[in-house]
């Protein structure tokens, strides 16, 4: 007798569920890999600009509670790899990890500012190319998320 699968969210399964043709039960994905985009993150207005040596991304929240949550999440992830991700209709369009530069987070009144720079000319060129790609995607109607260690910190949609 086969067990009927019910998934309330994509990628979520009950612990010990057997898949056809599998000899071992599938481990639960409850709090692991399947949770990538399901956490709470503040919605914000995001602006990007190219600066000397790299780019600057500002995430501004509409209310103080969201701004405080964003600042605390970024403080917890300090030192992690920063990145940007654009999606359209829930599908990833582009993702840039800013591993080629030094990214610094600064608190602002109603959000945060990430500045990613490099002293190397080629790395600076890559950072600015990523920034331009994200700006073009947002202009075309994509949602943009700033990530730290692959975890979304703030999002435009």
Protein backbone atom coordinates (compact mmCIF):
# COMPACT_ATOMS: atom_id res chain seq x y z
CA UNK A 1 0.00 0.00 0.00
CA UNK A 2 1.50 3.32 -1.08
CA UNK A 3 1.46 6.47 0.98
CA UNK A 4 -0.21 9.54 -0.56
CA UNK A 5 2.02 12.61 -0.69
CA UNK A 6 0.66 15.99 0.30
CA UNK A 7 2.93 18.97 -0.14
CA UNK A 8 1.72 22.30 1.18
CA UNK A 9 4.78 24.12 -0.14
CA UNK A 10 7.10 23.09 -2.98
CA UNK A 11 9.95 20.93 -1.72
CA UNK A 12 8.36 20.19 1.65
CA UNK A 13 7.79 16.52 2.56
CA UNK A 14 7.01 14.55 5.68
CA UNK A 15 9.94 12.87 7.46
CA UNK A 16 10.31 9.22 6.53
CA UNK A 17 8.33 9.50 3.31
CA UNK A 18 9.18 6.85 0.75
CA UNK A 19 9.60 7.79 -2.88
CA UNK A 20 8.84 5.13 -5.50
CA UNK A 21 11.93 3.04 -6.19
CA UNK A 22 13.80 4.22 -3.10
CA UNK A 23 15.12 1.79 -0.55
CA UNK A 24 15.58 4.30 2.29
CA UNK A 25 13.13 6.90 3.56
CA UNK A 26 13.75 10.41 2.31
CA UNK A 27 15.03 12.72 5.09
CA UNK A 28 12.82 15.60 6.11
CA UNK A 29 13.55 18.85 4.38
CA UNK A 30 11.57 20.80 6.99
CA UNK A 31 14.20 23.25 8.17
CA UNK A 32 17.03 22.52 5.76
CA UNK A 33 17.48 22.90 2.03
CA UNK A 34 13.81 23.42 1.26
CA UNK A 35 13.60 26.57 3.38
CA UNK A 36 15.82 28.77 1.20
CA UNK A 37 13.29 31.49 0.35
CA UNK A 38 10.62 30.92 3.02
CA UNK A 39 11.87 33.13 5.83
CA UNK A 40 10.54 36.56 6.70
CA UNK A 41 12.37 39.42 5.10
CA UNK A 42 11.52 43.09 4.98
CA UNK A 43 10.20 44.63 1.79
CA UNK A 44 12.18 47.70 0.89
CA UNK A 45 13.04 50.19 -1.79
CA UNK A 46 16.39 49.30 -3.28
CA UNK A 47 18.67 51.66 -5.17
CA UNK A 48 22.01 50.81 -6.69
CA UNK A 49 24.72 53.08 -7.93
CA UNK A 50 28.22 52.62 -9.22
CA UNK A 51 30.90 54.25 -7.12
CA UNK A 52 34.63 54.49 -7.52
CA UNK A 53 36.01 50.98 -7.09
CA UNK A 54 32.64 49.15 -7.06
CA UNK A 55 28.99 49.72 -6.23
CA UNK A 56 26.68 50.85 -3.47
CA UNK A 57 23.27 49.31 -2.70
CA UNK A 58 20.79 51.05 -0.41
CA UNK A 59 17.84 49.19 1.07
CA UNK A 60 15.31 51.57 2.62
CA UNK A 61 12.33 50.20 4.56
CA UNK A 62 8.93 51.88 4.87
CA UNK A 63 8.67 51.50 8.66
CA UNK A 64 10.98 51.46 11.67
CA UNK A 65 10.17 47.85 12.64
CA UNK A 66 11.23 46.52 9.22
CA UNK A 67 14.36 48.69 9.24
CA UNK A 68 15.34 47.40 12.70
CA UNK A 69 14.72 43.79 11.63
CA UNK A 70 16.86 44.26 8.51
CA UNK A 71 19.69 45.87 10.49
CA UNK A 72 19.68 43.07 13.07
CA UNK A 73 19.62 40.32 10.41
CA UNK A 74 22.58 41.94 8.64
CA UNK A 75 24.46 42.30 11.95
CA UNK A 76 23.97 38.57 12.63
CA UNK A 77 25.35 37.68 9.20
CA UNK A 78 28.34 40.05 9.37
CA UNK A 79 31.32 38.68 7.47
CA UNK A 80 29.15 36.49 5.23
CA UNK A 81 29.22 36.52 1.45
CA UNK A 82 27.02 39.26 0.03
CA UNK A 83 25.11 38.91 -3.19
CA UNK A 84 22.21 40.14 -5.27
CA UNK A 85 19.47 38.09 -6.90
CA UNK A 86 16.77 39.08 -9.38
CA UNK A 87 13.60 37.07 -9.98
CA UNK A 88 10.62 37.36 -12.27
CA UNK A 89 7.40 35.43 -11.61
CA UNK A 90 9.19 33.49 -8.87
CA UNK A 91 11.98 32.23 -11.17
CA UNK A 92 15.59 33.34 -10.75
CA UNK A 93 16.76 35.52 -13.62
CA UNK A 94 20.21 36.43 -12.37
CA UNK A 95 22.38 36.05 -9.28
CA UNK A 96 25.67 37.77 -8.53
CA UNK A 97 27.85 36.84 -5.56
CA UNK A 98 30.06 39.75 -4.64
CA UNK A 99 32.99 37.54 -3.67
CA UNK A 100 35.39 39.56 -5.80
CA UNK A 101 35.34 42.56 -3.48
CA UNK A 102 35.07 43.71 0.09
CA UNK A 103 31.48 44.32 1.12
CA UNK A 104 30.67 46.56 4.07
CA UNK A 105 27.28 47.04 5.67
CA UNK A 106 26.33 50.35 7.26
CA UNK A 107 23.12 51.11 9.10
CA UNK A 108 21.06 54.04 7.81
CA UNK A 109 18.06 55.69 9.45
CA UNK A 110 15.51 53.43 7.75
CA UNK A 111 17.62 50.56 6.41
CA UNK A 112 21.11 49.58 5.39
CA UNK A 113 23.73 50.40 2.80
CA UNK A 114 26.03 47.78 1.32
CA UNK A 115 29.19 49.07 -0.32
CA UNK A 116 31.16 46.52 -2.31
CA UNK A 117 34.55 47.67 -3.59
CA UNK A 118 37.87 46.31 -4.79
CA UNK A 119 41.28 47.82 -5.40
CA UNK A 120 41.83 45.45 -8.34
CA UNK A 121 40.71 46.94 -11.69
CA UNK A 122 39.30 43.66 -13.07
CA UNK A 123 37.42 42.86 -9.84
CA UNK A 124 36.02 46.40 -9.81
CA UNK A 125 34.85 45.88 -13.40
CA UNK A 126 33.09 42.62 -12.39
CA UNK A 127 31.40 44.30 -9.40
CA UNK A 128 30.14 47.14 -11.58
CA UNK A 129 28.97 44.68 -14.27
CA UNK A 130 26.95 42.79 -11.63
CA UNK A 131 25.50 46.07 -10.39
CA UNK A 132 24.52 47.10 -13.94
CA UNK A 133 22.92 43.69 -14.56
CA UNK A 134 20.81 44.02 -11.38
CA UNK A 135 19.82 47.61 -12.22
CA UNK A 136 18.76 46.54 -15.74
CA UNK A 137 16.75 43.59 -14.36
CA UNK A 138 14.95 45.86 -11.87
CA UNK A 139 14.22 48.39 -14.60
CA UNK A 140 12.70 45.56 -16.70
CA UNK A 141 10.34 44.64 -13.84
CA UNK A 142 12.25 42.01 -11.88
CA UNK A 143 12.21 41.69 -8.10
CA UNK A 144 15.63 42.13 -6.53
CA UNK A 145 16.85 40.63 -3.26
CA UNK A 146 20.05 41.34 -1.39
CA UNK A 147 21.50 38.17 0.10
CA UNK A 148 24.06 37.26 2.75
CA UNK A 149 25.38 33.69 2.73
CA UNK A 150 22.67 32.90 0.16
CA UNK A 151 19.91 34.00 2.56
CA UNK A 152 17.66 36.87 1.37
CA UNK A 153 17.97 39.90 3.64
CA UNK A 154 15.68 42.38 1.89
CA UNK A 155 13.57 42.32 -1.22
CA UNK A 156 11.84 44.82 -3.51
CA UNK A 157 8.64 42.76 -3.93
